[in-house]
Amino acid sequence: MLQWIPEIPIEYDRFQRLLYNPMFHQKMSTPWNYEDEQYLINWYYIIGPEEMSYALDRTIKSIMQRVVKLKKEGIMEKQLCRTYSKKIKKNPLQRVQSK
């Protein structure tokens, strides 16, 4: 039997980061565990903060705040060469209309 799930609107902040949504961020307001921190340290520079937020079920802002904290404590090394990860499109099925 299928259960009906209420539709929660998806909202973004002024930097186009996904705001808290219980459908995507189930671990919000829970303490960080060792496995999550190790995953963050090993994969943050490879996949970027947006994909990391989906992988760890936390908001992009909390991921970025944790990275800053780990860098200040010396647990996570600063990246020597800055690379930018692609942002995930809000609606990948929507086509861009040319003028």
PDB file of N, CA and C in Angstrom:
ATOM      1  N   MET A   1       0.841  -1.177   0.000  1.00  0.00           N
ATOM      2  CA  MET A   1       0.000   0.000   0.000  1.00  0.00           C
ATOM      3  C   MET A   1       0.892   1.248   0.000  1.00  0.00           C
ATOM      4  N   LEU A   2       0.616   2.151  -0.878  1.00  0.00           N
ATOM      5  CA  LEU A   2       1.382   3.384  -0.957  1.00  0.00           C
ATOM      6  C   LEU A   2       0.877   4.383   0.074  1.00  0.00           C
ATOM      7  N   GLN A   3       1.812   5.044   0.686  1.00  0.00           N
ATOM      8  CA  GLN A   3       1.457   6.044   1.681  1.00  0.00           C
ATOM      9  C   GLN A   3       1.623   7.429   1.065  1.00  0.00           C
ATOM     10  N   TRP A   4       0.665   8.291   1.300  1.00  0.00           N
ATOM     11  CA  TRP A   4       0.727   9.640   0.765  1.00  0.00           C
ATOM     12  C   TRP A   4       1.721  10.473   1.553  1.00  0.00           C
ATOM     13  N   ILE A   5       2.602  11.145   0.851  1.00  0.00           N
ATOM     14  CA  ILE A   5       3.590  12.009   1.479  1.00  0.00           C
ATOM     15  C   ILE A   5       3.238  13.449   1.109  1.00  0.00           C
ATOM     16  N   PRO A   6       3.089  14.317   2.102  1.00  0.00           N
ATOM     17  CA  PRO A   6       2.744  15.707   1.776  1.00  0.00           C
ATOM     18  C   PRO A   6       3.875  16.376   0.996  1.00  0.00           C
ATOM     19  N   GLU A   7       3.511  17.168   0.033  1.00  0.00           N
ATOM     20  CA  GLU A   7       4.508  17.861  -0.783  1.00  0.00           C
ATOM     21  C   GLU A   7       4.997  19.102  -0.046  1.00  0.00           C
ATOM     22  N   ILE A   8       6.287  19.162   0.152  1.00  0.00           N
ATOM     23  CA  ILE A   8       6.908  20.280   0.853  1.00  0.00           C
ATOM     24  C   ILE A   8       7.590  21.141  -0.202  1.00  0.00           C
ATOM     25  N   PRO A   9       7.322  22.434  -0.227  1.00  0.00           N
ATOM     26  CA  PRO A   9       7.947  23.280  -1.253  1.00  0.00           C
ATOM     27  C   PRO A   9       9.460  23.338  -1.092  1.00  0.00           C
ATOM     28  N   ILE A  10      10.156  23.338  -2.210  1.00  0.00           N
ATOM     29  CA  ILE A  10      11.611  23.428  -2.209  1.00  0.00           C
ATOM     30  C   ILE A  10      11.989  24.890  -2.323  1.00  0.00           C
ATOM     31  N   GLU A  11      12.767  25.369  -1.357  1.00  0.00           N
ATOM     32  CA  GLU A  11      13.150  26.786  -1.315  1.00  0.00           C
ATOM     33  C   GLU A  11      14.668  26.919  -1.337  1.00  0.00           C
ATOM     34  N   TYR A  12      15.137  28.029  -1.891  1.00  0.00           N
ATOM     35  CA  TYR A  12      16.567  28.302  -2.006  1.00  0.00           C
ATOM     36  C   TYR A  12      16.879  29.645  -1.355  1.00  0.00           C
ATOM     37  N   ASP A  13      18.126  29.793  -0.879  1.00  0.00           N
ATOM     38  CA  ASP A  13      18.540  31.084  -0.336  1.00  0.00           C
ATOM     39  C   ASP A  13      19.070  31.963  -1.467  1.00  0.00           C
ATOM     40  N   ARG A  14      19.596  33.123  -1.124  1.00  0.00           N
ATOM     41  CA  ARG A  14      20.028  34.062  -2.164  1.00  0.00           C
ATOM     42  C   ARG A  14      21.269  33.598  -2.922  1.00  0.00           C
ATOM     43  N   PHE A  15      21.964  32.576  -2.410  1.00  0.00           N
ATOM     44  CA  PHE A  15      23.128  32.017  -3.096  1.00  0.00           C
ATOM     45  C   PHE A  15      22.773  30.742  -3.860  1.00  0.00           C
ATOM     46  N   GLN A  16      21.478  30.494  -4.016  1.00  0.00           N
ATOM     47  CA  GLN A  16      20.946  29.328  -4.713  1.00  0.00           C
ATOM     48  C   GLN A  16      21.311  28.007  -4.037  1.00  0.00           C
ATOM     49  N   ARG A  17      21.413  28.046  -2.697  1.00  0.00           N
ATOM     50  CA  ARG A  17      21.628  26.829  -1.920  1.00  0.00           C
ATOM     51  C   ARG A  17      20.278  26.345  -1.424  1.00  0.00           C
ATOM     52  N   LEU A  18      20.081  25.053  -1.451  1.00  0.00           N
ATOM     53  CA  LEU A  18      18.831  24.467  -0.993  1.00  0.00           C
ATOM     54  C   LEU A  18      18.683  24.675   0.508  1.00  0.00           C
ATOM     55  N   LEU A  19      17.564  25.265   0.922  1.00  0.00           N
ATOM     56  CA  LEU A  19      17.288  25.458   2.340  1.00  0.00           C
ATOM     57  C   LEU A  19      16.808  24.146   2.950  1.00  0.00           C
ATOM     58  N   TYR A  20      16.702  24.133   4.273  1.00  0.00           N
ATOM     59  CA  TYR A  20      16.286  22.921   4.963  1.00  0.00           C
ATOM     60  C   TYR A  20      14.971  22.382   4.430  1.00  0.00           C
ATOM     61  N   ASN A  21      14.981  21.102   4.120  1.00  0.00           N
ATOM     62  CA  ASN A  21      13.797  20.399   3.665  1.00  0.00           C
ATOM     63  C   ASN A  21      13.857  19.014   4.288  1.00  0.00           C
ATOM     64  N   PRO A  22      12.868  18.630   5.108  1.00  0.00           N
ATOM     65  CA  PRO A  22      12.933  17.350   5.807  1.00  0.00           C
ATOM     66  C   PRO A  22      13.003  16.145   4.878  1.00  0.00           C
ATOM     67  N   MET A  23      12.616  16.320   3.633  1.00  0.00           N
ATOM     68  CA  MET A  23      12.680  15.224   2.676  1.00  0.00           C
ATOM     69  C   MET A  23      14.136  14.914   2.295  1.00  0.00           C
ATOM     70  N   PHE A  24      15.000  15.925   2.281  1.00  0.00           N
ATOM     71  CA  PHE A  24      16.393  15.753   1.873  1.00  0.00           C
ATOM     72  C   PHE A  24      17.376  15.761   3.036  1.00  0.00           C
ATOM     73  N   HIS A  25      17.019  16.379   4.147  1.00  0.00           N
ATOM     74  CA  HIS A  25      17.970  16.592   5.247  1.00  0.00           C
ATOM     75  C   HIS A  25      17.480  15.930   6.537  1.00  0.00           C
ATOM     76  N   GLN A  26      17.515  14.606   6.577  1.00  0.00           N
ATOM     77  CA  GLN A  26      17.010  13.888   7.744  1.00  0.00           C
ATOM     78  C   GLN A  26      17.943  13.952   8.949  1.00  0.00           C
ATOM     79  N   LYS A  27      19.243  14.152   8.736  1.00  0.00           N
ATOM     80  CA  LYS A  27      20.201  14.169   9.851  1.00  0.00           C
ATOM     81  C   LYS A  27      20.415  15.562  10.435  1.00  0.00           C
ATOM     82  N   MET A  28      19.630  16.516  10.006  1.00  0.00           N
ATOM     83  CA  MET A  28      19.778  17.880  10.509  1.00  0.00           C
ATOM     84  C   MET A  28      19.576  17.910  12.021  1.00  0.00           C
ATOM     85  N   SER A  29      20.383  18.653  12.720  1.00  0.00           N
ATOM     86  CA  SER A  29      20.333  18.825  14.180  1.00  0.00           C
ATOM     87  C   SER A  29      20.733  17.568  14.944  1.00  0.00           C
ATOM     88  N   THR A  30      21.415  16.653  14.285  1.00  0.00           N
ATOM     89  CA  THR A  30      21.966  15.495  14.992  1.00  0.00           C
ATOM     90  C   THR A  30      23.483  15.658  15.045  1.00  0.00           C
ATOM     91  N   PRO A  31      24.139  15.103  16.062  1.00  0.00           N
ATOM     92  CA  PRO A  31      25.595  15.245  16.158  1.00  0.00           C
ATOM     93  C   PRO A  31      26.308  14.530  15.011  1.00  0.00           C
ATOM     94  N   TRP A  32      27.452  15.059  14.643  1.00  0.00           N
ATOM     95  CA  TRP A  32      28.269  14.440  13.605  1.00  0.00           C
ATOM     96  C   TRP A  32      28.936  13.201  14.187  1.00  0.00           C
ATOM     97  N   ASN A  33      28.923  12.111  13.432  1.00  0.00           N
ATOM     98  CA  ASN A  33      29.636  10.925  13.887  1.00  0.00           C
ATOM     99  C   ASN A  33      30.950  10.785  13.115  1.00  0.00           C
ATOM    100  N   TYR A  34      31.770   9.845  13.541  1.00  0.00           N
ATOM    101  CA  TYR A  34      33.110   9.682  12.966  1.00  0.00           C
ATOM    102  C   TYR A  34      33.047   9.348  11.473  1.00  0.00           C
ATOM    103  N   GLU A  35      32.136   8.464  11.078  1.00  0.00           N
ATOM    104  CA  GLU A  35      32.039   8.047   9.674  1.00  0.00           C
ATOM    105  C   GLU A  35      31.652   9.216   8.768  1.00  0.00           C
ATOM    106  N   ASP A  36      30.722  10.044   9.229  1.00  0.00           N
ATOM    107  CA  ASP A  36      30.308  11.206   8.432  1.00  0.00           C
ATOM    108  C   ASP A  36      31.458  12.196   8.259  1.00  0.00           C
ATOM    109  N   GLU A  37      32.210  12.433   9.321  1.00  0.00           N
ATOM    110  CA  GLU A  37      33.349  13.354   9.221  1.00  0.00           C
ATOM    111  C   GLU A  37      34.428  12.813   8.285  1.00  0.00           C
ATOM    112  N   GLN A  38      34.710  11.515   8.364  1.00  0.00           N
ATOM    113  CA  GLN A  38      35.714  10.927   7.486  1.00  0.00           C
ATOM    114  C   GLN A  38      35.269  10.988   6.030  1.00  0.00           C
ATOM    115  N   TYR A  39      33.998  10.740   5.780  1.00  0.00           N
ATOM    116  CA  TYR A  39      33.464  10.839   4.421  1.00  0.00           C
ATOM    117  C   TYR A  39      33.595  12.278   3.918  1.00  0.00           C
ATOM    118  N   LEU A  40      33.287  13.236   4.775  1.00  0.00           N
ATOM    119  CA  LEU A  40      33.404  14.646   4.418  1.00  0.00           C
ATOM    120  C   LEU A  40      34.850  15.012   4.084  1.00  0.00           C
ATOM    121  N   ILE A  41      35.781  14.571   4.912  1.00  0.00           N
ATOM    122  CA  ILE A  41      37.205  14.877   4.696  1.00  0.00           C
ATOM    123  C   ILE A  41      37.702  14.269   3.391  1.00  0.00           C
ATOM    124  N   ASN A  42      37.320  13.039   3.105  1.00  0.00           N
ATOM    125  CA  ASN A  42      37.835  12.332   1.931  1.00  0.00           C
ATOM    126  C   ASN A  42      37.191  12.762   0.619  1.00  0.00           C
ATOM    127  N   TRP A  43      35.940  13.184   0.641  1.00  0.00           N
ATOM    128  CA  TRP A  43      35.215  13.431  -0.597  1.00  0.00           C
ATOM    129  C   TRP A  43      34.823  14.882  -0.852  1.00  0.00           C
ATOM    130  N   TYR A  44      34.997  15.778   0.088  1.00  0.00           N
ATOM    131  CA  TYR A  44      34.511  17.155  -0.079  1.00  0.00           C
ATOM    132  C   TYR A  44      35.101  17.835  -1.315  1.00  0.00           C
ATOM    133  N   TYR A  45      36.405  17.734  -1.510  1.00  0.00           N
ATOM    134  CA  TYR A  45      37.040  18.415  -2.645  1.00  0.00           C
ATOM    135  C   TYR A  45      36.761  17.715  -3.968  1.00  0.00           C
ATOM    136  N   ILE A  46      36.283  16.501  -3.937  1.00  0.00           N
ATOM    137  CA  ILE A  46      36.006  15.754  -5.166  1.00  0.00           C
ATOM    138  C   ILE A  46      34.596  16.032  -5.676  1.00  0.00           C
ATOM    139  N   ILE A  47      33.599  15.956  -4.779  1.00  0.00           N
ATOM    140  CA  ILE A  47      32.214  16.105  -5.237  1.00  0.00           C
ATOM    141  C   ILE A  47      31.594  17.457  -4.910  1.00  0.00           C
ATOM    142  N   GLY A  48      32.185  18.222  -4.008  1.00  0.00           N
ATOM    143  CA  GLY A  48      31.676  19.551  -3.696  1.00  0.00           C
ATOM    144  C   GLY A  48      30.587  19.545  -2.640  1.00  0.00           C
ATOM    145  N   PRO A  49      30.241  20.734  -2.144  1.00  0.00           N
ATOM    146  CA  PRO A  49      29.293  20.828  -1.031  1.00  0.00           C
ATOM    147  C   PRO A  49      27.862  20.435  -1.379  1.00  0.00           C
ATOM    148  N   GLU A  50      27.438  20.661  -2.618  1.00  0.00           N
ATOM    149  CA  GLU A  50      26.045  20.368  -2.958  1.00  0.00           C
ATOM    150  C   GLU A  50      25.776  18.865  -2.959  1.00  0.00           C
ATOM    151  N   GLU A  51      26.615  18.090  -3.633  1.00  0.00           N
ATOM    152  CA  GLU A  51      26.437  16.638  -3.627  1.00  0.00           C
ATOM    153  C   GLU A  51      26.691  16.060  -2.242  1.00  0.00           C
ATOM    154  N   MET A  52      27.625  16.664  -1.512  1.00  0.00           N
ATOM    155  CA  MET A  52      27.923  16.206  -0.153  1.00  0.00           C
ATOM    156  C   MET A  52      26.699  16.365   0.746  1.00  0.00           C
ATOM    157  N   SER A  53      25.924  17.423   0.529  1.00  0.00           N
ATOM    158  CA  SER A  53      24.737  17.626   1.358  1.00  0.00           C
ATOM    159  C   SER A  53      23.716  16.512   1.140  1.00  0.00           C
ATOM    160  N   TYR A  54      23.592  16.021  -0.090  1.00  0.00           N
ATOM    161  CA  TYR A  54      22.683  14.906  -0.349  1.00  0.00           C
ATOM    162  C   TYR A  54      23.238  13.596   0.212  1.00  0.00           C
ATOM    163  N   ALA A  55      24.545  13.422   0.132  1.00  0.00           N
ATOM    164  CA  ALA A  55      25.161  12.187   0.628  1.00  0.00           C
ATOM    165  C   ALA A  55      25.056  12.064   2.150  1.00  0.00           C
ATOM    166  N   LEU A  56      25.200  13.193   2.857  1.00  0.00           N
ATOM    167  CA  LEU A  56      25.186  13.154   4.321  1.00  0.00           C
ATOM    168  C   LEU A  56      23.857  13.588   4.935  1.00  0.00           C
ATOM    169  N   ASP A  57      22.871  13.886   4.115  1.00  0.00           N
ATOM    170  CA  ASP A  57      21.533  14.287   4.581  1.00  0.00           C
ATOM    171  C   ASP A  57      21.571  15.526   5.468  1.00  0.00           C
ATOM    172  N   ARG A  58      22.394  16.500   5.108  1.00  0.00           N
ATOM    173  CA  ARG A  58      22.488  17.760   5.841  1.00  0.00           C
ATOM    174  C   ARG A  58      22.427  18.909   4.843  1.00  0.00           C
ATOM    175  N   THR A  59      22.194  20.122   5.328  1.00  0.00           N
ATOM    176  CA  THR A  59      22.127  21.267   4.419  1.00  0.00           C
ATOM    177  C   THR A  59      23.522  21.641   3.939  1.00  0.00           C
ATOM    178  N   ILE A  60      23.578  22.351   2.823  1.00  0.00           N
ATOM    179  CA  ILE A  60      24.858  22.799   2.270  1.00  0.00           C
ATOM    180  C   ILE A  60      25.567  23.706   3.266  1.00  0.00           C
ATOM    181  N   LYS A  61      24.799  24.567   3.918  1.00  0.00           N
ATOM    182  CA  LYS A  61      25.375  25.496   4.886  1.00  0.00           C
ATOM    183  C   LYS A  61      26.038  24.744   6.042  1.00  0.00           C
ATOM    184  N   SER A  62      25.401  23.691   6.559  1.00  0.00           N
ATOM    185  CA  SER A  62      26.000  22.946   7.665  1.00  0.00           C
ATOM    186  C   SER A  62      27.240  22.178   7.214  1.00  0.00           C
ATOM    187  N   ILE A  63      27.244  21.708   5.964  1.00  0.00           N
ATOM    188  CA  ILE A  63      28.428  21.030   5.416  1.00  0.00           C
ATOM    189  C   ILE A  63      29.591  22.017   5.360  1.00  0.00           C
ATOM    190  N   MET A  64      29.346  23.205   4.836  1.00  0.00           N
ATOM    191  CA  MET A  64      30.402  24.200   4.691  1.00  0.00           C
ATOM    192  C   MET A  64      30.900  24.687   6.056  1.00  0.00           C
ATOM    193  N   GLN A  65      29.996  24.829   7.023  1.00  0.00           N
ATOM    194  CA  GLN A  65      30.407  25.232   8.371  1.00  0.00           C
ATOM    195  C   GLN A  65      31.289  24.157   9.006  1.00  0.00           C
ATOM    196  N   ARG A  66      30.965  22.895   8.779  1.00  0.00           N
ATOM    197  CA  ARG A  66      31.772  21.805   9.345  1.00  0.00           C
ATOM    198  C   ARG A  66      33.161  21.773   8.712  1.00  0.00           C
ATOM    199  N   VAL A  67      33.247  22.041   7.418  1.00  0.00           N
ATOM    200  CA  VAL A  67      34.543  22.082   6.727  1.00  0.00           C
ATOM    201  C   VAL A  67      35.418  23.184   7.326  1.00  0.00           C
ATOM    202  N   VAL A  68      34.849  24.364   7.555  1.00  0.00           N
ATOM    203  CA  VAL A  68      35.600  25.473   8.151  1.00  0.00           C
ATOM    204  C   VAL A  68      36.106  25.084   9.543  1.00  0.00           C
ATOM    205  N   LYS A  69      35.261  24.443  10.329  1.00  0.00           N
ATOM    206  CA  LYS A  69      35.643  24.010  11.676  1.00  0.00           C
ATOM    207  C   LYS A  69      36.775  22.990  11.628  1.00  0.00           C
ATOM    208  N   LEU A  70      36.680  22.020  10.724  1.00  0.00           N
ATOM    209  CA  LEU A  70      37.715  20.993  10.607  1.00  0.00           C
ATOM    210  C   LEU A  70      39.040  21.582  10.122  1.00  0.00           C
ATOM    211  N   LYS A  71      38.978  22.576   9.248  1.00  0.00           N
ATOM    212  CA  LYS A  71      40.199  23.243   8.783  1.00  0.00           C
ATOM    213  C   LYS A  71      40.855  24.029   9.909  1.00  0.00           C
ATOM    214  N   LYS A  72      40.067  24.736  10.713  1.00  0.00           N
ATOM    215  CA  LYS A  72      40.614  25.514  11.831  1.00  0.00           C
ATOM    216  C   LYS A  72      41.271  24.605  12.863  1.00  0.00           C
ATOM    217  N   GLU A  73      40.680  23.422  13.085  1.00  0.00           N
ATOM    218  CA  GLU A  73      41.243  22.476  14.053  1.00  0.00           C
ATOM    219  C   GLU A  73      42.437  21.722  13.492  1.00  0.00           C
ATOM    220  N   GLY A  74      42.701  21.849  12.187  1.00  0.00           N
ATOM    221  CA  GLY A  74      43.836  21.168  11.563  1.00  0.00           C
ATOM    222  C   GLY A  74      43.549  19.724  11.187  1.00  0.00           C
ATOM    223  N   ILE A  75      42.298  19.312  11.273  1.00  0.00           N
ATOM    224  CA  ILE A  75      41.926  17.934  10.933  1.00  0.00           C
ATOM    225  C   ILE A  75      41.823  17.768   9.422  1.00  0.00           C
ATOM    226  N   MET A  76      41.330  18.793   8.761  1.00  0.00           N
ATOM    227  CA  MET A  76      41.168  18.756   7.304  1.00  0.00           C
ATOM    228  C   MET A  76      42.154  19.736   6.685  1.00  0.00           C
ATOM    229  N   GLU A  77      42.868  19.266   5.673  1.00  0.00           N
ATOM    230  CA  GLU A  77      43.858  20.124   5.022  1.00  0.00           C
ATOM    231  C   GLU A  77      43.179  21.072   4.050  1.00  0.00           C
ATOM    232  N   LYS A  78      43.794  22.238   3.892  1.00  0.00           N
ATOM    233  CA  LYS A  78      43.282  23.195   2.917  1.00  0.00           C
ATOM    234  C   LYS A  78      43.688  22.719   1.533  1.00  0.00           C
ATOM    235  N   GLN A  79      42.835  22.967   0.557  1.00  0.00           N
ATOM    236  CA  GLN A  79      43.096  22.545  -0.805  1.00  0.00           C
ATOM    237  C   GLN A  79      44.132  23.461  -1.447  1.00  0.00           C
ATOM    238  N   LEU A  80      45.145  22.863  -2.079  1.00  0.00           N
ATOM    239  CA  LEU A  80      46.192  23.659  -2.715  1.00  0.00           C
ATOM    240  C   LEU A  80      45.702  24.284  -4.019  1.00  0.00           C
ATOM    241  N   CYS A  81      45.035  23.503  -4.823  1.00  0.00           N
ATOM    242  CA  CYS A  81      44.537  23.969  -6.115  1.00  0.00           C
ATOM    243  C   CYS A  81      43.024  24.047  -6.034  1.00  0.00           C
ATOM    244  N   ARG A  82      42.468  25.199  -6.266  1.00  0.00           N
ATOM    245  CA  ARG A  82      41.022  25.386  -6.138  1.00  0.00           C
ATOM    246  C   ARG A  82      40.313  24.901  -7.400  1.00  0.00           C
ATOM    247  N   THR A  83      39.378  23.984  -7.214  1.00  0.00           N
ATOM    248  CA  THR A  83      38.544  23.521  -8.314  1.00  0.00           C
ATOM    249  C   THR A  83      37.094  23.768  -7.942  1.00  0.00           C
ATOM    250  N   TYR A  84      36.278  23.939  -8.929  1.00  0.00           N
ATOM    251  CA  TYR A  84      34.868  24.212  -8.695  1.00  0.00           C
ATOM    252  C   TYR A  84      34.048  23.043  -9.217  1.00  0.00           C
ATOM    253  N   SER A  85      33.117  22.577  -8.409  1.00  0.00           N
ATOM    254  CA  SER A  85      32.234  21.508  -8.847  1.00  0.00           C
ATOM    255  C   SER A  85      30.997  22.125  -9.486  1.00  0.00           C
ATOM    256  N   LYS A  86      30.429  21.401 -10.439  1.00  0.00           N
ATOM    257  CA  LYS A  86      29.227  21.884 -11.104  1.00  0.00           C
ATOM    258  C   LYS A  86      28.061  21.843 -10.140  1.00  0.00           C
ATOM    259  N   LYS A  87      27.184  22.829 -10.248  1.00  0.00           N
ATOM    260  CA  LYS A  87      25.976  22.839  -9.434  1.00  0.00           C
ATOM    261  C   LYS A  87      24.940  21.944 -10.107  1.00  0.00           C
ATOM    262  N   ILE A  88      24.137  21.322  -9.287  1.00  0.00           N
ATOM    263  CA  ILE A  88      23.060  20.491  -9.798  1.00  0.00           C
ATOM    264  C   ILE A  88      21.932  21.407 -10.227  1.00  0.00           C
ATOM    265  N   LYS A  89      21.388  21.163 -11.422  1.00  0.00           N
ATOM    266  CA  LYS A  89      20.312  22.011 -11.925  1.00  0.00           C
ATOM    267  C   LYS A  89      19.062  21.813 -11.092  1.00  0.00           C
ATOM    268  N   LYS A  90      18.340  22.902 -10.870  1.00  0.00           N
ATOM    269  CA  LYS A  90      17.117  22.839 -10.061  1.00  0.00           C
ATOM    270  C   LYS A  90      16.087  21.927 -10.712  1.00  0.00           C
ATOM    271  N   ASN A  91      15.877  22.083 -11.994  1.00  0.00           N
ATOM    272  CA  ASN A  91      14.919  21.250 -12.712  1.00  0.00           C
ATOM    273  C   ASN A  91      15.601  20.769 -13.992  1.00  0.00           C
ATOM    274  N   PRO A  92      16.248  19.593 -13.962  1.00  0.00           N
ATOM    275  CA  PRO A  92      16.998  19.143 -15.130  1.00  0.00           C
ATOM    276  C   PRO A  92      16.122  18.808 -16.328  1.00  0.00           C
ATOM    277  N   LEU A  93      14.822  18.594 -16.135  1.00  0.00           N
ATOM    278  CA  LEU A  93      13.933  18.253 -17.235  1.00  0.00           C
ATOM    279  C   LEU A  93      13.475  19.486 -18.016  1.00  0.00           C
ATOM    280  N   GLN A  94      13.626  20.662 -17.394  1.00  0.00           N
ATOM    281  CA  GLN A  94      13.201  21.896 -18.040  1.00  0.00           C
ATOM    282  C   GLN A  94      14.253  22.323 -19.056  1.00  0.00           C
ATOM    283  N   ARG A  95      13.822  22.567 -20.285  1.00  0.00           N
ATOM    284  CA  ARG A  95      14.750  22.975 -21.337  1.00  0.00           C
ATOM    285  C   ARG A  95      14.875  24.504 -21.350  1.00  0.00           C
ATOM    286  N   VAL A  96      16.048  24.949 -21.705  1.00  0.00           N
ATOM    287  CA  VAL A  96      16.286  26.378 -21.821  1.00  0.00           C
ATOM    288  C   VAL A  96      15.762  26.838 -23.171  1.00  0.00           C
ATOM    289  N   GLN A  97      14.923  27.853 -23.155  1.00  0.00           N
ATOM    290  CA  GLN A  97      14.349  28.360 -24.411  1.00  0.00           C
ATOM    291  C   GLN A  97      15.245  29.459 -24.953  1.00  0.00           C
ATOM    292  N   SER A  98      15.626  29.319 -26.209  1.00  0.00           N
ATOM    293  CA  SER A  98      16.454  30.356 -26.835  1.00  0.00           C
ATOM    294  C   SER A  98      15.564  31.413 -27.455  1.00  0.00           C
ATOM    295  N   LYS A  99      16.072  32.640 -27.460  1.00  0.00           N
ATOM    296  CA  LYS A  99      15.289  33.778 -27.966  1.00  0.00           C
ATOM    297  C   LYS A  99      15.399  33.893 -29.445  1.00  0.00           C
TER     298      LYS A  99
END
